[in-house]
C-alpha atoms as a PDB file:
ATOM      1  CA  MET A   1      -1.060 -31.150  17.678  1.00  0.00           C
ATOM      2  CA  ALA A   2      -3.695 -30.003  15.202  1.00  0.00           C
ATOM      3  CA  CYS A   3      -2.583 -26.400  15.550  1.00  0.00           C
ATOM      4  CA  GLU A   4       0.911 -27.387  14.451  1.00  0.00           C
ATOM      5  CA  THR A   5      -0.273 -28.911  11.154  1.00  0.00           C
ATOM      6  CA  SER A   6      -3.165 -26.599  10.245  1.00  0.00           C
ATOM      7  CA  ARG A   7      -2.649 -23.223   8.585  1.00  0.00           C
ATOM      8  CA  THR A   8      -1.390 -20.881  11.292  1.00  0.00           C
ATOM      9  CA  LEU A   9       0.487 -17.597  11.522  1.00  0.00           C
ATOM     10  CA  THR A  10       3.031 -16.331  14.014  1.00  0.00           C
ATOM     11  CA  ILE A  11       2.391 -13.105  15.882  1.00  0.00           C
ATOM     12  CA  SER A  12       4.830 -11.282  13.590  1.00  0.00           C
ATOM     13  CA  GLN A  13       3.035 -12.585  10.502  1.00  0.00           C
ATOM     14  CA  VAL A  14      -0.340 -11.529  11.921  1.00  0.00           C
ATOM     15  CA  ALA A  15       1.062  -8.081  12.723  1.00  0.00           C
ATOM     16  CA  GLU A  16       2.265  -7.734   9.130  1.00  0.00           C
ATOM     17  CA  LYS A  17      -1.047  -9.000   7.743  1.00  0.00           C
ATOM     18  CA  THR A  18      -3.380  -6.902   9.910  1.00  0.00           C
ATOM     19  CA  GLY A  19      -1.300  -3.832  10.737  1.00  0.00           C
ATOM     20  CA  VAL A  20      -1.764  -4.438  14.479  1.00  0.00           C
ATOM     21  CA  ASN A  21       1.578  -4.594  16.276  1.00  0.00           C
ATOM     22  CA  PRO A  22       2.478  -7.558  18.545  1.00  0.00           C
ATOM     23  CA  VAL A  23       2.284  -5.473  21.746  1.00  0.00           C
ATOM     24  CA  THR A  24      -1.332  -4.594  20.953  1.00  0.00           C
ATOM     25  CA  LEU A  25      -2.235  -8.173  19.996  1.00  0.00           C
ATOM     26  CA  ARG A  26      -0.912  -9.387  23.345  1.00  0.00           C
ATOM     27  CA  ALA A  27      -2.847  -6.673  25.194  1.00  0.00           C
ATOM     28  CA  TRP A  28      -6.084  -7.656  23.424  1.00  0.00           C
ATOM     29  CA  GLN A  29      -5.570 -11.230  24.596  1.00  0.00           C
ATOM     30  CA  ARG A  30      -4.338 -10.660  28.158  1.00  0.00           C
ATOM     31  CA  ARG A  31      -6.383  -7.653  29.217  1.00  0.00           C
ATOM     32  CA  TYR A  32      -9.634  -8.083  27.277  1.00  0.00           C
ATOM     33  CA  GLY A  33      -9.804 -11.766  26.294  1.00  0.00           C
ATOM     34  CA  LEU A  34     -10.514 -10.846  22.669  1.00  0.00           C
ATOM     35  CA  LEU A  35      -8.174 -13.452  21.180  1.00  0.00           C
ATOM     36  CA  SER A  36      -7.199 -17.017  22.130  1.00  0.00           C
ATOM     37  CA  PRO A  37      -4.367 -18.167  19.850  1.00  0.00           C
ATOM     38  CA  ALA A  38      -2.939 -21.661  20.083  1.00  0.00           C
ATOM     39  CA  ARG A  39       0.566 -22.229  21.438  1.00  0.00           C
ATOM     40  CA  THR A  40       3.577 -24.172  20.234  1.00  0.00           C
ATOM     41  CA  ALA A  41       5.426 -26.524  22.561  1.00  0.00           C
ATOM     42  CA  LYS A  42       7.735 -23.608  23.388  1.00  0.00           C
ATOM     43  CA  GLY A  43       4.828 -21.275  24.158  1.00  0.00           C
ATOM     44  CA  HIS A  44       4.855 -19.180  20.988  1.00  0.00           C
ATOM     45  CA  ARG A  45       1.479 -17.927  19.785  1.00  0.00           C
ATOM     46  CA  LEU A  46      -0.060 -19.397  16.632  1.00  0.00           C
ATOM     47  CA  TYR A  47      -3.005 -17.573  15.053  1.00  0.00           C
ATOM     48  CA  SER A  48      -5.645 -19.242  12.889  1.00  0.00           C
ATOM     49  CA  ASP A  49      -7.732 -17.753  10.086  1.00  0.00           C
ATOM     50  CA  ASP A  50     -10.546 -17.353  12.630  1.00  0.00           C
ATOM     51  CA  ASP A  51      -8.218 -15.290  14.846  1.00  0.00           C
ATOM     52  CA  VAL A  52      -7.385 -13.048  11.891  1.00  0.00           C
ATOM     53  CA  ASP A  53     -11.102 -12.645  11.148  1.00  0.00           C
ATOM     54  CA  THR A  54     -11.672 -11.660  14.785  1.00  0.00           C
ATOM     55  CA  ILE A  55      -8.913  -9.048  14.536  1.00  0.00           C
ATOM     56  CA  THR A  56     -10.574  -7.672  11.410  1.00  0.00           C
ATOM     57  CA  ARG A  57     -13.908  -7.357  13.258  1.00  0.00           C
ATOM     58  CA  ILE A  58     -12.181  -5.684  16.213  1.00  0.00           C
ATOM     59  CA  LEU A  59     -10.647  -3.130  13.853  1.00  0.00           C
ATOM     60  CA  GLN A  60     -14.053  -2.492  12.270  1.00  0.00           C
ATOM     61  CA  TRP A  61     -15.505  -1.630  15.666  1.00  0.00           C
ATOM     62  CA  LEU A  62     -12.519   0.535  16.543  1.00  0.00           C
ATOM     63  CA  ASP A  63     -12.953   2.372  13.244  1.00  0.00           C
ATOM     64  CA  LYS A  64     -16.491   3.237  14.350  1.00  0.00           C
ATOM     65  CA  GLY A  65     -15.019   4.913  17.424  1.00  0.00           C
ATOM     66  CA  VAL A  66     -15.688   2.152  19.977  1.00  0.00           C
ATOM     67  CA  SER A  67     -13.086   1.925  22.749  1.00  0.00           C
ATOM     68  CA  ILE A  68     -11.321  -1.431  23.068  1.00  0.00           C
ATOM     69  CA  SER A  69     -12.839  -2.139  26.493  1.00  0.00           C
ATOM     70  CA  LYS A  70     -16.335  -2.172  24.938  1.00  0.00           C
ATOM     71  CA  VAL A  71     -15.606  -4.289  21.861  1.00  0.00           C
ATOM     72  CA  LYS A  72     -16.013  -7.853  23.188  1.00  0.00           C
ATOM     73  CA  PRO A  73     -19.834  -7.976  23.499  1.00  0.00           C
ATOM     74  CA  LEU A  74     -20.137  -6.321  20.085  1.00  0.00           C
ATOM     75  CA  LEU A  75     -18.188  -8.983  18.194  1.00  0.00           C
ATOM     76  CA  VAL A  76     -21.358 -11.022  17.681  1.00  0.00           C
ATOM     77  CA  GLN A  77     -22.901  -8.099  15.787  1.00  0.00           C
ATOM     78  CA  THR A  78     -22.129  -6.620  12.374  1.00  0.00           C
ATOM     79  CA  PRO A  79     -20.528  -3.150  12.582  1.00  0.00           C
ATOM     80  CA  ALA A  80     -22.282  -1.971   9.426  1.00  0.00           C
ATOM     81  CA  THR A  81     -25.698  -2.433  11.032  1.00  0.00           C
ATOM     82  CA  VAL A  82     -24.974  -0.689  14.337  1.00  0.00           C
ATOM     83  CA  ASP A  83     -24.514   3.054  14.832  1.00  0.00           C
ATOM     84  CA  VAL A  84     -21.998   3.617  17.631  1.00  0.00           C
ATOM     85  CA  GLU A  85     -20.093   6.733  18.629  1.00  0.00           C
ATOM     86  CA  ASP A  86     -17.726   6.546  21.592  1.00  0.00           C
ATOM     87  CA  ASN A  87     -14.924   9.059  22.187  1.00  0.00           C
ATOM     88  CA  GLY A  88     -14.371   8.110  25.815  1.00  0.00           C
ATOM     89  CA  VAL A  89     -10.610   7.728  25.409  1.00  0.00           C
ATOM     90  CA  ALA A  90     -10.216  11.299  24.154  1.00  0.00           C
ATOM     91  CA  ARG A  91     -12.501  12.589  26.899  1.00  0.00           C
ATOM     92  CA  GLU A  92     -10.397  10.884  29.575  1.00  0.00           C
ATOM     93  CA  LEU A  93      -7.218  12.475  28.231  1.00  0.00           C
ATOM     94  CA  ILE A  94      -8.846  15.899  27.986  1.00  0.00           C
ATOM     95  CA  GLU A  95      -9.877  15.580  31.636  1.00  0.00           C
ATOM     96  CA  CYS A  96      -6.261  14.774  32.574  1.00  0.00           C
ATOM     97  CA  ILE A  97      -5.028  17.824  30.676  1.00  0.00           C
ATOM     98  CA  HIS A  98      -7.765  20.078  32.055  1.00  0.00           C
ATOM     99  CA  THR A  99      -6.924  19.134  35.669  1.00  0.00           C
ATOM    100  CA  PHE A 100      -3.129  18.990  35.081  1.00  0.00           C
ATOM    101  CA  SER A 101      -3.098  15.341  36.226  1.00  0.00           C
ATOM    102  CA  VAL A 102       0.379  14.609  34.859  1.00  0.00           C
ATOM    103  CA  LYS A 103       0.820  11.135  36.359  1.00  0.00           C
ATOM    104  CA  ARG A 104      -2.601   9.969  35.196  1.00  0.00           C
ATOM    105  CA  LEU A 105      -2.002  11.446  31.739  1.00  0.00           C
ATOM    106  CA  LYS A 106       1.281   9.527  31.377  1.00  0.00           C
ATOM    107  CA  GLN A 107      -0.277   6.278  32.603  1.00  0.00           C
ATOM    108  CA  THR A 108      -3.266   6.611  30.284  1.00  0.00           C
ATOM    109  CA  LEU A 109      -1.096   7.362  27.262  1.00  0.00           C
ATOM    110  CA  GLU A 110       1.182   4.416  28.026  1.00  0.00           C
ATOM    111  CA  GLN A 111      -1.833   2.110  28.243  1.00  0.00           C
ATOM    112  CA  ILE A 112      -3.599   3.252  25.084  1.00  0.00           C
ATOM    113  CA  PHE A 113      -0.405   3.124  23.024  1.00  0.00           C
ATOM    114  CA  LYS A 114      -0.293  -0.590  23.887  1.00  0.00           C
ATOM    115  CA  GLU A 115      -3.979  -1.252  23.275  1.00  0.00           C
ATOM    116  CA  TYR A 116      -4.714   0.559  20.003  1.00  0.00           C
ATOM    117  CA  PRO A 117      -3.229   0.712  16.500  1.00  0.00           C
ATOM    118  CA  PHE A 118      -1.567   4.080  16.017  1.00  0.00           C
ATOM    119  CA  TYR A 119      -3.777   5.088  13.073  1.00  0.00           C
ATOM    120  CA  TRP A 120      -6.763   4.769  15.448  1.00  0.00           C
ATOM    121  CA  LEU A 121      -5.050   6.907  18.073  1.00  0.00           C
ATOM    122  CA  ALA A 122      -4.267   9.556  15.468  1.00  0.00           C
ATOM    123  CA  GLU A 123      -7.901   9.810  14.345  1.00  0.00           C
ATOM    124  CA  HIS A 124      -9.828   9.204  17.566  1.00  0.00           C
ATOM    125  CA  VAL A 125      -7.437  10.594  20.195  1.00  0.00           C
ATOM    126  CA  MET A 126      -4.733  12.924  18.888  1.00  0.00           C
ATOM    127  CA  THR A 127      -7.000  14.851  16.513  1.00  0.00           C
ATOM    128  CA  PRO A 128      -9.887  15.531  18.957  1.00  0.00           C
ATOM    129  CA  VAL A 129      -7.476  16.444  21.788  1.00  0.00           C
ATOM    130  CA  ASP A 130      -5.529  18.799  19.517  1.00  0.00           C
ATOM    131  CA  GLN A 131      -8.797  20.344  18.315  1.00  0.00           C
ATOM    132  CA  TRP A 132      -9.953  20.862  21.907  1.00  0.00           C
ATOM    133  CA  LEU A 133      -6.668  22.561  22.766  1.00  0.00           C
ATOM    134  CA  SER A 134      -6.834  24.784  19.667  1.00  0.00           C
ATOM    135  CA  HIS A 135     -10.177  26.237  20.782  1.00  0.00           C
ATOM    136  CA  HIS A 136      -8.681  27.738  23.938  1.00  0.00           C
ATOM    137  CA  ASP A 137      -6.323  30.702  24.302  1.00  0.00           C
ATOM    138  CA  GLY A 138      -4.326  32.220  27.130  1.00  0.00           C
ATOM    139  CA  ALA A 139      -1.517  31.236  29.465  1.00  0.00           C
ATOM    140  CA  VAL A 140      -3.397  28.291  30.997  1.00  0.00           C
ATOM    141  CA  SER A 141      -4.196  26.808  27.592  1.00  0.00           C
ATOM    142  CA  MET A 142      -0.598  27.265  26.475  1.00  0.00           C
ATOM    143  CA  LEU A 143       0.569  25.354  29.548  1.00  0.00           C
ATOM    144  CA  GLN A 144      -1.986  22.611  28.893  1.00  0.00           C
ATOM    145  CA  ARG A 145      -0.848  22.314  25.274  1.00  0.00           C
ATOM    146  CA  ASP A 146       2.793  22.141  26.359  1.00  0.00           C
ATOM    147  CA  LEU A 147       1.982  19.449  28.924  1.00  0.00           C
ATOM    148  CA  TRP A 148       0.074  17.390  26.365  1.00  0.00           C
ATOM    149  CA  GLN A 149       2.668  17.606  23.602  1.00  0.00           C
ATOM    150  CA  THR A 150       5.610  16.967  25.928  1.00  0.00           C
ATOM    151  CA  THR A 151       3.938  13.869  27.367  1.00  0.00           C
ATOM    152  CA  VAL A 152       3.040  12.550  23.910  1.00  0.00           C
ATOM    153  CA  ILE A 153       6.606  13.108  22.688  1.00  0.00           C
ATOM    154  CA  GLU A 154       7.996  11.166  25.659  1.00  0.00           C
ATOM    155  CA  GLN A 155       5.592   8.276  25.029  1.00  0.00           C
ATOM    156  CA  CYS A 156       6.351   8.222  21.305  1.00  0.00           C
ATOM    157  CA  ARG A 157      10.077   8.131  21.961  1.00  0.00           C
ATOM    158  CA  SER A 158       9.544   5.192  24.293  1.00  0.00           C
ATOM    159  CA  VAL A 159       7.572   3.355  21.605  1.00  0.00           C
ATOM    160  CA  ILE A 160      10.220   4.071  18.978  1.00  0.00           C
ATOM    161  CA  THR A 161      13.035   2.836  21.233  1.00  0.00           C
ATOM    162  CA  ALA A 162      11.129  -0.332  22.094  1.00  0.00           C
ATOM    163  CA  ASN A 163      10.451  -1.153  18.426  1.00  0.00           C
ATOM    164  CA  ALA A 164      13.699  -0.018  16.799  1.00  0.00           C
ATOM    165  CA  LYS A 165      15.325  -3.468  16.842  1.00  0.00           C
ATOM    166  CA  ARG A 166      12.160  -5.261  15.737  1.00  0.00           C
ATOM    167  CA  ASN A 167      11.563  -3.237  12.588  1.00  0.00           C
ATOM    168  CA  THR A 168      13.515  -4.583   9.641  1.00  0.00           C
ATOM    169  CA  ARG A 169      11.136  -3.995   6.732  1.00  0.00           C
ATOM    170  CA  SER A 170      12.874  -0.911   5.385  1.00  0.00           C
ATOM    171  CA  ARG A 171      15.212   1.846   6.466  1.00  0.00           C
ATOM    172  CA  CYS A 172      13.457   5.177   6.152  1.00  0.00           C
ATOM    173  CA  TRP A 173      14.387   8.851   6.324  1.00  0.00           C
ATOM    174  CA  LEU A 174      11.664  11.212   7.507  1.00  0.00           C
ATOM    175  CA  VAL A 175      12.073  14.660   5.960  1.00  0.00           C
ATOM    176  CA  SER A 176      10.080  17.852   6.535  1.00  0.00           C
ATOM    177  CA  LEU A 177       9.606  20.028   3.450  1.00  0.00           C
ATOM    178  CA  ASN A 178       8.833  23.114   5.535  1.00  0.00           C
ATOM    179  CA  PRO A 179       9.124  23.838   9.277  1.00  0.00           C
ATOM    180  CA  THR A 180       7.350  21.283  11.504  1.00  0.00           C
ATOM    181  CA  SER A 181       7.260  20.839  15.261  1.00  0.00           C
ATOM    182  CA  GLU A 182       8.886  17.999  17.183  1.00  0.00           C
ATOM    183  CA  TYR A 183       5.383  16.915  18.187  1.00  0.00           C
ATOM    184  CA  GLN A 184       4.339  16.531  14.533  1.00  0.00           C
ATOM    185  CA  ARG A 185       7.553  14.750  13.564  1.00  0.00           C
ATOM    186  CA  VAL A 186       7.425  12.227  16.384  1.00  0.00           C
ATOM    187  CA  LEU A 187       3.808  11.333  15.590  1.00  0.00           C
ATOM    188  CA  MET A 188       4.751  10.753  11.959  1.00  0.00           C
ATOM    189  CA  ALA A 189       7.739   8.664  13.064  1.00  0.00           C
ATOM    190  CA  VAL A 190       5.540   6.403  15.209  1.00  0.00           C
ATOM    191  CA  ALA A 191       3.102   5.974  12.302  1.00  0.00           C
ATOM    192  CA  LEU A 192       6.049   4.835  10.177  1.00  0.00           C
ATOM    193  CA  TYR A 193       7.376   2.523  12.887  1.00  0.00           C
ATOM    194  CA  GLU A 194       3.984   0.853  13.172  1.00  0.00           C
ATOM    195  CA  LYS A 195       4.131   0.187   9.429  1.00  0.00           C
ATOM    196  CA  GLY A 196       7.440  -1.619   9.998  1.00  0.00           C
ATOM    197  CA  TYR A 197       9.903   1.070   8.947  1.00  0.00           C
ATOM    198  CA  ASN A 198      13.126   1.803  10.810  1.00  0.00           C
ATOM    199  CA  VAL A 199      13.091   5.595  10.876  1.00  0.00           C
ATOM    200  CA  THR A 200      15.744   8.292  10.945  1.00  0.00           C
ATOM    201  CA  THR A 201      14.091  11.678  11.513  1.00  0.00           C
ATOM    202  CA  LEU A 202      15.735  14.826  10.144  1.00  0.00           C
ATOM    203  CA  SER A 203      14.865  17.774  12.375  1.00  0.00           C
ATOM    204  CA  GLN A 204      15.414  20.627   9.880  1.00  0.00           C
ATOM    205  CA  PRO A 205      13.313  21.336   6.751  1.00  0.00           C
ATOM    206  CA  HIS A 206      14.957  20.316   3.471  1.00  0.00           C
ATOM    207  CA  SER A 207      14.036  21.459  -0.029  1.00  0.00           C
ATOM    208  CA  GLN A 208      16.884  19.777  -1.961  1.00  0.00           C
ATOM    209  CA  LEU A 209      15.326  16.337  -2.169  1.00  0.00           C
ATOM    210  CA  SER A 210      17.602  15.356  -5.059  1.00  0.00           C
ATOM    211  CA  LEU A 211      20.590  15.619  -2.694  1.00  0.00           C
ATOM    212  CA  ILE A 212      18.757  13.593  -0.049  1.00  0.00           C
ATOM    213  CA  LEU A 213      17.949  10.884  -2.603  1.00  0.00           C
ATOM    214  CA  LYS A 214      21.610  10.718  -3.635  1.00  0.00           C
ATOM    215  CA  VAL A 215      22.782  10.233  -0.053  1.00  0.00           C
ATOM    216  CA  MET A 216      20.004   7.717   0.613  1.00  0.00           C
ATOM    217  CA  ARG A 217      21.113   5.612  -2.354  1.00  0.00           C
ATOM    218  CA  GLU A 218      24.710   5.685  -1.116  1.00  0.00           C
ATOM    219  CA  GLN A 219      23.584   4.620   2.354  1.00  0.00           C
ATOM    220  CA  GLN A 220      21.143   2.018   0.974  1.00  0.00           C
ATOM    221  CA  VAL A 221      18.121   3.650   2.597  1.00  0.00           C
ATOM    222  CA  ASN A 222      15.010   2.336   0.871  1.00  0.00           C
ATOM    223  CA  THR A 223      12.211   4.745   1.796  1.00  0.00           C
ATOM    224  CA  LEU A 224      11.748   8.517   1.887  1.00  0.00           C
ATOM    225  CA  ALA A 225       8.874   9.819   4.038  1.00  0.00           C
ATOM    226  CA  VAL A 226       7.897  13.458   3.526  1.00  0.00           C
ATOM    227  CA  MET A 227       5.778  15.765   5.661  1.00  0.00           C
ATOM    228  CA  ALA A 228       4.845  19.439   5.766  1.00  0.00           C
ATOM    229  CA  ASN A 229       3.059  21.970   7.945  1.00  0.00           C
ATOM    230  CA  HIS A 230       1.521  24.062   5.158  1.00  0.00           C
ATOM    231  CA  ARG A 231       1.102  24.115   1.381  1.00  0.00           C
ATOM    232  CA  LEU A 232       4.167  23.422  -0.722  1.00  0.00           C
ATOM    233  CA  ASP A 233       5.463  26.017  -3.159  1.00  0.00           C
ATOM    234  CA  ARG A 234       6.212  25.318  -6.807  1.00  0.00           C
ATOM    235  CA  THR A 235       9.866  24.459  -6.195  1.00  0.00           C
ATOM    236  CA  GLN A 236       8.958  21.974  -3.465  1.00  0.00           C
ATOM    237  CA  LEU A 237       6.282  20.395  -5.649  1.00  0.00           C
ATOM    238  CA  ASN A 238       8.784  19.954  -8.484  1.00  0.00           C
ATOM    239  CA  GLN A 239      11.264  18.376  -6.075  1.00  0.00           C
ATOM    240  CA  LEU A 240       8.600  15.968  -4.859  1.00  0.00           C
ATOM    241  CA  ARG A 241       7.559  15.125  -8.431  1.00  0.00           C
ATOM    242  CA  LEU A 242      11.193  14.250  -9.121  1.00  0.00           C
ATOM    243  CA  CYS A 243      11.203  11.859  -6.185  1.00  0.00           C
ATOM    244  CA  LEU A 244       7.964  10.247  -7.329  1.00  0.00           C
ATOM    245  CA  SER A 245       9.251   9.801 -10.884  1.00  0.00           C
ATOM    246  CA  GLN A 246      12.121   7.539  -9.844  1.00  0.00           C
ATOM    247  CA  ASN A 247      11.688   3.870  -8.900  1.00  0.00           C
ATOM    248  CA  GLU A 248      14.720   3.168  -6.729  1.00  0.00           C
ATOM    249  CA  ILE A 249      13.399   4.632  -3.471  1.00  0.00           C
ATOM    250  CA  GLU A 250       9.844   4.313  -2.156  1.00  0.00           C
ATOM    251  CA  VAL A 251       8.151   7.618  -1.295  1.00  0.00           C
ATOM    252  CA  VAL A 252       5.686   7.728   1.605  1.00  0.00           C
ATOM    253  CA  SER A 253       3.697  10.887   2.226  1.00  0.00           C
ATOM    254  CA  GLN A 254       1.952  12.428   5.190  1.00  0.00           C
ATOM    255  CA  ALA A 255      -1.818  12.480   4.544  1.00  0.00           C
ATOM    256  CA  PHE A 256      -1.829  16.295   4.724  1.00  0.00           C
ATOM    257  CA  ILE A 257       0.340  16.568   1.602  1.00  0.00           C
ATOM    258  CA  TYR A 258      -1.903  14.193  -0.324  1.00  0.00           C
ATOM    259  CA  SER A 259      -5.066  15.976   0.780  1.00  0.00           C
ATOM    260  CA  VAL A 260      -3.724  19.392  -0.275  1.00  0.00           C
ATOM    261  CA  HIS A 261      -1.732  18.449  -3.382  1.00  0.00           C
ATOM    262  CA  GLY A 262      -3.323  15.210  -4.586  1.00  0.00           C
ATOM    263  CA  ASP A 263      -4.439  16.761  -7.867  1.00  0.00           C
ATOM    264  CA  GLU A 264      -0.976  18.209  -8.529  1.00  0.00           C
ATOM    265  CA  LEU A 265       0.914  15.051  -7.563  1.00  0.00           C
ATOM    266  CA  LYS A 266      -0.736  12.429  -9.733  1.00  0.00           C
ATOM    267  CA  ASP A 267       1.750   9.737  -8.743  1.00  0.00           C
ATOM    268  CA  LEU A 268       0.964  10.121  -5.048  1.00  0.00           C
ATOM    269  CA  ARG A 269      -1.496   7.323  -4.350  1.00  0.00           C
ATOM    270  CA  GLU A 270      -3.515   6.861  -1.176  1.00  0.00           C
ATOM    271  CA  ASN A 271      -1.684   3.667  -0.283  1.00  0.00           C
ATOM    272  CA  ASN A 272       1.509   5.733   0.026  1.00  0.00           C
ATOM    273  CA  THR A 273       0.055   8.116   2.597  1.00  0.00           C
ATOM    274  CA  LEU A 274      -0.053   7.986   6.377  1.00  0.00           C
ATOM    275  CA  CYS A 275      -2.771   9.338   8.642  1.00  0.00           C
ATOM    276  CA  ILE A 276      -0.676  11.983  10.424  1.00  0.00           C
END
């Protein structure tokens, strides 16, 4: 009864507060015993402030590169005082790609998409695997890269479909400012979905952002997400400045654009960028 009257949060509220989606929170509880929320009479999870603090500590360890399976015994320690480097998840995926173990690759991706926040996957999995693939040339490497990207795209689509009805924070259009691959776009879309956006992805590059903004206003779409594959030219920068100067539609940027053009786009703040 105490859990009903004390300050508690639902799983959706905790997901909003911590950035960890409900699927991942459930996996941390069921598979690894990292959380033990209370339950309502109907079985719904109720999270206390202590649970939220535990989630924060879990994220701190993940940010140091620790895989989720190794976090539990570390929760009694302070991440700042311990030097840990663990890229076992990326190594496992690279082994799957190297040996063309398609079934194992799919199963591993499905599991880690449930167990980790997407920003962690982008930094500690996608980036090192992509870097490993980029260091190899030839027909075999091309096939390995195709296998990897195709499998990731399939998994991302599955995640997007599963979360489409749950996300109600804001309707969002994802627009490429210059040519991008389906692999890049789907990763950006998942990053947006994890932030709570309901995403429509435009497959072709668009430079006339003023036209896109006009249509978005008519359709009551609240957020424009922009991405690119290389530096923007002066016309594209001016178009993006125009978008940033208006207040009706939120603008979210891929981290690449901020890292390359942060000095030129003064209104583009870090809290409006995503890790992809």
